[in-house]
Amino acid sequence: MEFPLTRFSDAKTLLETLNGVRQTVPPVWLMRQAGRYLPEYRALRAEKGGFLALAMDDEAAAEITLQPIRRFGMDGAILFSDILIVPMALGQDLWFETGEGPRLAPKVAARSVLDGLVPDRSKFEPIYATVRRVAAALDPKVTFLGFAGSPWTVATYMIAGQGSREQAEARRLAYADPELMQALVDRIADATIDYLIGQIDAGVEAVQLFDSWSGSLSPAQFERWVIAPTRRIIAALHDRTTVKVIGFPKGAGGKLVAYARETGADAIGLDETVDPAWANAELPQGLPVQGNLDPLALIAGGATLDSAIDRILAAFPERPHVFNLGHGIQQDTPIAHVEQLLTRLRGTR
């Protein structure tokens, strides 16, 4: 099935939306739209090797970035990479255990460990090469999105050496040794600014900051470890570029309003637990939002999917809105359900 990038305009509708212009048909892209649910991705991964090998191979990573654009005609292309490229550039070893996810070493459990890390910004170069390849090949109507992890989320991996549901190690460290946590967050923020500037210079047109674990923090900790470093990153990007920044603090809940008002983000990503009608009423007027279909509703398909889409669309009658999931697309998502989503949004049935 072929899907047009846009039925009503040749403009970059996603970029226009991030600039505050509401579209009759909201632009759409999906977090993790380039990934394991696509047979073309699985075939390339079987040929090239594991995830990290793909992410650091600019030719393969560019191809993966473009795969969902060719198949679905998404309005946005999201760079195929990983938020843990920053810890690797800060001096940690990064690898992926089969079936278990990422591992980082040494764990940042003491100031001596942090001070012993040797940064290597050349680790960013393969990512920039991917950006240049995609920018040269991308349909001019598609907005090219770069990204990075926000400092709190990246710090949780650097401290625990892996992902963790409760982020207990990072939360304990933040209370027990706030000076070490501040030094780590500052170091991540500095590297993230450089990393995103490099992506922008190479050709991305907007960026997203993923704070996937922000929901684990108390309000005071959220202010210090999420809002403050995010504000610093966004201010630096706004000072040096004209790109728009999407902030995505997953799990922020009621703290989302403070995040929107205090970080300077140009658009706010909503996870699937946020009531879109509440977000429309509480967030600053005119601020673009992105989201927030439950990835499990996409797996369900059928009438369940249609009604979920309609509820989200109805919640934003006047606000600029980028349609997306509330988090990443899951591996067992049927391709036919992604097609259903697009036809529902674009009115092609």
Protein backbone atom coordinates (compact mmCIF):
# COMPACT_ATOMS: atom_id res chain seq x y z
CA MET A 1 0.00 0.00 0.00
CA GLU A 2 1.35 3.43 -0.96
CA PHE A 3 0.90 6.41 1.36
CA PRO A 4 1.37 10.02 0.27
CA LEU A 5 3.60 12.21 2.42
CA THR A 6 0.84 14.78 2.46
CA ARG A 7 -2.39 15.03 0.53
CA PHE A 8 -2.91 18.76 0.67
CA SER A 9 0.46 20.50 0.47
CA ASP A 10 4.04 20.10 -0.68
CA ALA A 11 5.31 21.89 2.41
CA LYS A 12 7.18 20.34 5.32
CA THR A 13 4.04 20.00 7.40
CA LEU A 14 5.84 18.57 10.42
CA LEU A 15 8.33 21.42 10.54
CA GLU A 16 5.52 23.94 10.04
CA THR A 17 3.65 22.38 12.96
CA LEU A 18 6.69 22.67 15.22
CA ASN A 19 6.78 26.34 14.19
CA GLY A 20 3.25 26.72 15.55
CA VAL A 21 1.14 26.31 12.40
CA ARG A 22 -1.76 23.92 12.89
CA GLN A 23 -2.39 21.55 9.97
CA THR A 24 -5.78 20.33 8.81
CA VAL A 25 -4.30 16.83 8.71
CA PRO A 26 -1.69 16.46 11.46
CA PRO A 27 1.74 15.32 10.33
CA VAL A 28 2.78 11.92 11.61
CA TRP A 29 5.88 10.00 12.54
CA LEU A 30 6.31 7.19 15.05
CA MET A 31 8.97 6.74 17.68
CA ARG A 32 11.05 3.67 16.73
CA GLN A 33 9.41 3.70 13.29
CA ALA A 34 12.69 2.33 11.91
CA GLY A 35 13.13 -0.99 13.67
CA ARG A 36 12.38 -4.60 14.33
CA TYR A 37 8.73 -4.71 13.24
CA LEU A 38 9.87 -4.10 9.63
CA PRO A 39 11.06 -7.13 7.60
CA GLU A 40 13.51 -4.95 5.66
CA TYR A 41 15.13 -3.92 8.94
CA ARG A 42 15.40 -7.50 10.14
CA ALA A 43 16.98 -8.54 6.87
CA LEU A 44 19.61 -5.82 7.05
CA ARG A 45 20.37 -6.58 10.69
CA ALA A 46 20.86 -10.26 9.87
CA GLU A 47 23.32 -9.23 7.18
CA LYS A 48 25.23 -6.56 9.10
CA GLY A 49 25.21 -7.74 12.72
CA GLY A 50 23.91 -6.36 16.02
CA PHE A 51 22.27 -3.08 16.85
CA LEU A 52 25.41 -1.13 17.72
CA ALA A 53 27.15 -2.31 14.55
CA LEU A 54 24.20 -0.97 12.56
CA ALA A 55 24.09 2.34 14.42
CA MET A 56 27.80 2.97 13.83
CA ASP A 57 27.66 1.96 10.13
CA ASP A 58 26.57 5.17 8.41
CA GLU A 59 25.47 3.45 5.21
CA ALA A 60 23.34 0.88 7.06
CA ALA A 61 21.96 3.43 9.56
CA ALA A 62 20.96 5.77 6.73
CA GLU A 63 19.18 2.94 4.94
CA ILE A 64 17.29 2.03 8.11
CA THR A 65 16.30 5.66 8.70
CA LEU A 66 14.81 5.80 5.21
CA GLN A 67 12.98 2.45 5.29
CA PRO A 68 9.74 3.65 6.96
CA ILE A 69 9.70 6.74 4.74
CA ARG A 70 9.68 4.55 1.65
CA ARG A 71 7.12 2.13 3.04
CA PHE A 72 4.70 4.52 4.77
CA GLY A 73 5.43 8.06 3.59
CA MET A 74 5.89 9.39 7.10
CA ASP A 75 6.11 13.17 7.46
CA GLY A 76 9.18 12.86 9.64
CA ALA A 77 12.32 10.73 9.44
CA ILE A 78 13.96 10.00 12.80
CA LEU A 79 17.68 9.31 12.82
CA PHE A 80 18.49 5.66 13.48
CA SER A 81 20.85 5.73 16.44
CA ASP A 82 20.76 5.37 20.24
CA ILE A 83 20.79 7.68 23.25
CA LEU A 84 23.83 5.82 24.62
CA ILE A 85 26.16 7.17 21.96
CA VAL A 86 26.78 10.06 24.40
CA PRO A 87 28.08 7.86 27.25
CA MET A 88 30.30 6.09 24.75
CA ALA A 89 31.72 9.46 23.66
CA LEU A 90 32.20 10.36 27.33
CA GLY A 91 34.48 7.36 27.77
CA GLN A 92 32.33 4.40 28.81
CA ASP A 93 32.44 1.08 26.98
CA LEU A 94 29.09 0.24 25.38
CA TRP A 95 27.85 -3.13 24.20
CA PHE A 96 24.54 -4.95 23.85
CA GLU A 97 23.80 -8.31 25.45
CA THR A 98 21.53 -10.48 23.32
CA GLY A 99 18.03 -10.42 24.73
CA GLU A 100 19.05 -8.21 27.67
CA GLY A 101 19.83 -4.78 26.24
CA PRO A 102 22.69 -2.32 26.67
CA ARG A 103 25.61 -2.56 29.04
CA LEU A 104 27.99 0.25 30.05
CA ALA A 105 31.27 0.06 31.95
CA PRO A 106 32.72 1.23 34.20
CA LYS A 107 29.66 2.18 36.25
CA VAL A 108 29.80 5.76 37.50
CA ALA A 109 29.49 5.04 41.22
CA ALA A 110 32.21 7.40 42.48
CA ARG A 111 33.85 10.66 41.50
CA SER A 112 37.09 8.82 40.75
CA VAL A 113 35.30 6.78 38.09
CA LEU A 114 33.82 9.86 36.44
CA ASP A 115 37.16 11.66 36.50
CA GLY A 116 38.84 8.60 35.00
CA LEU A 117 36.66 8.55 31.90
CA VAL A 118 38.46 9.77 28.79
CA PRO A 119 36.08 11.57 26.41
CA ASP A 120 36.32 10.85 22.70
CA ARG A 121 34.08 13.10 20.59
CA SER A 122 35.17 11.19 17.46
CA LYS A 123 32.55 8.60 18.49
CA PHE A 124 29.98 11.06 17.15
CA GLU A 125 31.44 11.07 13.64
CA PRO A 126 29.65 7.96 12.30
CA ILE A 127 26.35 9.47 13.43
CA TYR A 128 27.09 12.71 11.62
CA ALA A 129 27.99 10.70 8.51
CA THR A 130 24.59 8.98 8.74
CA VAL A 131 22.87 12.36 8.98
CA ARG A 132 24.65 13.63 5.89
CA ARG A 133 23.64 10.52 3.90
CA VAL A 134 20.00 10.77 4.93
CA ALA A 135 19.80 14.53 4.35
CA ALA A 136 21.07 14.03 0.80
CA ALA A 137 18.56 11.27 0.04
CA LEU A 138 15.42 12.43 1.88
CA ASP A 139 12.31 13.60 0.07
CA PRO A 140 12.20 17.40 0.48
CA LYS A 141 8.71 17.24 2.01
CA VAL A 142 9.95 15.11 4.93
CA THR A 143 11.30 16.74 8.09
CA PHE A 144 14.52 15.15 9.32
CA LEU A 145 14.63 14.70 13.10
CA GLY A 146 17.73 14.18 15.18
CA PHE A 147 17.71 13.29 18.86
CA ALA A 148 19.58 12.70 22.07
CA GLY A 149 18.79 11.43 25.53
CA SER A 150 18.23 14.00 28.24
CA PRO A 151 20.87 14.09 30.99
CA TRP A 152 18.82 12.41 33.73
CA THR A 153 17.91 9.41 31.58
CA VAL A 154 21.44 9.05 30.21
CA ALA A 155 22.82 9.32 33.75
CA THR A 156 20.65 6.44 34.95
CA TYR A 157 22.33 4.15 32.42
CA MET A 158 25.81 5.45 33.18
CA ILE A 159 25.35 4.85 36.91
CA ALA A 160 23.66 1.44 36.76
CA GLY A 161 25.59 0.18 33.74
CA GLN A 162 22.30 -0.86 32.16
CA GLY A 163 18.62 0.00 32.05
CA SER A 164 16.58 -0.40 35.22
CA ARG A 165 12.87 -0.04 35.84
CA GLU A 166 13.07 1.90 39.08
CA GLN A 167 16.35 3.75 38.39
CA ALA A 168 17.17 3.00 42.02
CA GLU A 169 20.95 3.37 41.70
CA ALA A 170 20.70 6.81 40.11
CA ARG A 171 18.05 8.03 42.52
CA ARG A 172 20.09 6.88 45.53
CA LEU A 173 23.20 8.58 44.16
CA ALA A 174 21.29 11.82 43.56
CA TYR A 175 20.32 11.93 47.23
CA ALA A 176 23.57 10.58 48.69
CA ASP A 177 26.05 12.50 46.55
CA PRO A 178 24.33 15.38 44.73
CA GLU A 179 27.69 16.93 43.86
CA LEU A 180 28.72 13.81 41.91
CA MET A 181 25.31 13.65 40.24
CA GLN A 182 25.56 17.33 39.30
CA ALA A 183 29.03 16.81 37.82
CA LEU A 184 27.77 13.85 35.79
CA VAL A 185 24.63 15.65 34.57
CA ASP A 186 26.69 18.71 33.62
CA ARG A 187 29.11 16.56 31.67
CA ILE A 188 26.28 14.84 29.83
CA ALA A 189 24.60 18.18 29.08
CA ASP A 190 27.79 19.64 27.63
CA ALA A 191 28.32 16.61 25.40
CA THR A 192 24.66 16.60 24.37
CA ILE A 193 24.84 20.23 23.24
CA ASP A 194 27.88 19.45 21.11
CA TYR A 195 26.27 16.28 19.79
CA LEU A 196 23.04 17.94 18.74
CA ILE A 197 24.84 20.92 17.20
CA GLY A 198 26.82 18.41 15.18
CA GLN A 199 23.65 16.69 14.02
CA ILE A 200 22.15 20.03 13.05
CA ASP A 201 25.27 21.07 11.15
CA ALA A 202 25.14 17.74 9.30
CA GLY A 203 21.52 18.21 8.21
CA VAL A 204 18.79 17.47 10.78
CA GLU A 205 16.01 20.05 10.88
CA ALA A 206 14.59 19.53 14.37
CA VAL A 207 15.60 17.50 17.40
CA GLN A 208 13.94 15.58 20.19
CA LEU A 209 15.21 15.17 23.74
CA PHE A 210 14.17 11.81 25.19
CA ASP A 211 13.80 11.74 28.97
CA SER A 212 12.44 8.23 29.14
CA TRP A 213 12.90 7.83 32.92
CA SER A 214 11.79 11.26 34.13
CA GLY A 215 8.70 9.78 35.75
CA SER A 216 10.72 8.19 38.55
CA LEU A 217 11.60 11.51 40.23
CA SER A 218 9.94 13.52 42.98
CA PRO A 219 8.94 17.11 42.09
CA ALA A 220 12.06 18.66 43.62
CA GLN A 221 14.35 16.11 41.99
CA PHE A 222 12.50 16.55 38.71
CA GLU A 223 13.19 20.28 38.85
CA ARG A 224 16.90 19.76 39.42
CA TRP A 225 17.69 16.74 37.26
CA VAL A 226 15.18 17.10 34.43
CA ILE A 227 14.04 20.70 34.03
CA ALA A 228 17.30 22.52 34.81
CA PRO A 229 19.65 20.59 32.47
CA THR A 230 17.01 20.43 29.75
CA ARG A 231 16.60 24.20 29.96
CA ARG A 232 20.38 24.62 29.60
CA ILE A 233 20.55 22.37 26.54
CA ILE A 234 17.61 24.04 24.82
CA ALA A 235 18.92 27.53 25.58
CA ALA A 236 22.27 26.62 24.04
CA LEU A 237 20.60 25.20 20.93
CA HIS A 238 18.36 28.26 20.57
CA ASP A 239 21.35 30.54 21.01
CA ARG A 240 23.37 28.81 18.29
CA THR A 241 20.73 27.49 15.85
CA THR A 242 17.17 28.08 14.67
CA VAL A 243 16.04 24.46 15.09
CA LYS A 244 12.98 23.50 17.07
CA VAL A 245 13.32 21.19 20.06
CA ILE A 246 10.71 18.61 21.09
CA GLY A 247 10.91 17.73 24.77
CA PHE A 248 9.65 14.30 25.72
CA PRO A 249 9.63 13.73 29.52
CA LYS A 250 7.98 10.31 29.70
CA GLY A 251 6.03 9.74 32.87
CA ALA A 252 6.13 13.38 33.97
CA GLY A 253 2.37 13.43 34.64
CA GLY A 254 1.32 16.62 36.42
CA LYS A 255 4.91 17.89 36.26
CA LEU A 256 4.49 18.22 32.50
CA VAL A 257 3.12 21.75 32.88
CA ALA A 258 6.23 22.96 34.73
CA TYR A 259 8.41 21.22 32.13
CA ALA A 260 6.58 23.01 29.32
CA ARG A 261 6.76 26.42 31.00
CA GLU A 262 10.33 26.25 32.28
CA THR A 263 12.48 24.35 29.77
CA GLY A 264 11.91 26.47 26.66
CA ALA A 265 10.94 23.42 24.60
CA ASP A 266 9.28 24.33 21.30
CA ALA A 267 6.95 21.32 21.44
CA ILE A 268 6.01 18.78 24.08
CA GLY A 269 5.80 15.04 23.55
CA LEU A 270 2.98 13.37 25.49
CA ASP A 271 3.27 9.76 26.62
CA GLU A 272 0.29 7.42 26.46
CA THR A 273 -0.66 7.98 30.12
CA VAL A 274 -1.43 11.68 29.56
CA ASP A 275 -5.04 12.64 28.94
CA PRO A 276 -4.76 14.69 25.73
CA ALA A 277 -7.77 16.83 26.67
CA TRP A 278 -6.07 17.68 29.99
CA ALA A 279 -2.85 18.53 28.14
CA ASN A 280 -4.72 20.78 25.75
CA ALA A 281 -6.34 22.63 28.68
CA GLU A 282 -3.25 22.92 30.88
CA LEU A 283 -0.27 23.45 28.57
CA PRO A 284 0.58 26.97 27.34
CA GLN A 285 -1.76 28.13 24.62
CA GLY A 286 -0.44 27.54 21.12
CA LEU A 287 2.44 25.31 22.23
CA PRO A 288 2.68 22.40 19.75
CA VAL A 289 2.21 18.93 21.18
CA GLN A 290 3.17 15.50 19.91
CA GLY A 291 1.58 12.14 20.62
CA ASN A 292 0.12 10.22 22.20
CA LEU A 293 -1.36 6.95 20.90
CA ASP A 294 -0.76 3.95 23.15
CA PRO A 295 1.58 1.54 21.28
CA LEU A 296 -0.66 -1.30 22.48
CA ALA A 297 -3.67 0.28 20.77
CA LEU A 298 -1.64 0.20 17.57
CA ILE A 299 -1.04 -3.51 18.13
CA ALA A 300 -4.75 -4.06 18.77
CA GLY A 301 -5.86 -2.41 15.52
CA GLY A 302 -9.44 -2.44 14.28
CA ALA A 303 -12.14 -0.36 15.95
CA THR A 304 -10.02 0.00 19.08
CA LEU A 305 -7.31 1.75 17.09
CA ASP A 306 -9.75 3.95 15.18
CA SER A 307 -11.48 5.19 18.34
CA ALA A 308 -8.14 5.86 20.07
CA ILE A 309 -6.98 7.93 17.08
CA ASP A 310 -10.25 9.86 17.01
CA ARG A 311 -10.06 10.70 20.73
CA ILE A 312 -6.59 12.16 20.33
CA LEU A 313 -7.55 14.20 17.27
CA ALA A 314 -10.65 15.56 19.02
CA ALA A 315 -8.57 16.73 21.99
CA PHE A 316 -6.64 19.29 19.92
CA PRO A 317 -9.21 21.23 17.88
CA GLU A 318 -6.99 24.32 17.55
CA ARG A 319 -3.54 23.43 18.90
CA PRO A 320 -0.67 22.49 16.53
CA HIS A 321 -0.36 18.71 16.80
CA VAL A 322 2.11 16.12 15.53
CA PHE A 323 0.56 12.68 15.63
CA ASN A 324 2.79 10.05 17.21
CA LEU A 325 2.80 7.25 19.72
CA GLY A 326 3.14 7.75 23.45
CA HIS A 327 6.38 5.76 23.27
CA GLY A 328 8.18 3.55 20.78
CA ILE A 329 6.49 1.19 18.36
CA GLN A 330 6.75 -2.40 19.58
CA GLN A 331 8.35 -5.29 17.75
CA ASP A 332 5.13 -7.27 17.34
CA THR A 333 3.17 -4.39 15.79
CA PRO A 334 1.42 -5.53 12.58
CA ILE A 335 2.38 -3.47 9.56
CA ALA A 336 -1.28 -3.48 8.51
CA HIS A 337 -2.14 -1.56 11.68
CA VAL A 338 0.37 1.16 10.86
CA GLU A 339 -1.31 1.38 7.47
CA GLN A 340 -4.69 1.63 9.20
CA LEU A 341 -3.38 4.50 11.33
CA LEU A 342 -2.21 6.42 8.29
CA THR A 343 -5.40 5.95 6.32
CA ARG A 344 -7.45 7.06 9.33
CA LEU A 345 -5.35 10.19 9.77
CA ARG A 346 -5.12 11.10 6.11
CA GLY A 347 -8.70 10.30 5.17
CA THR A 348 -7.81 7.96 2.35
CA ARG A 349 -10.62 5.51 3.08
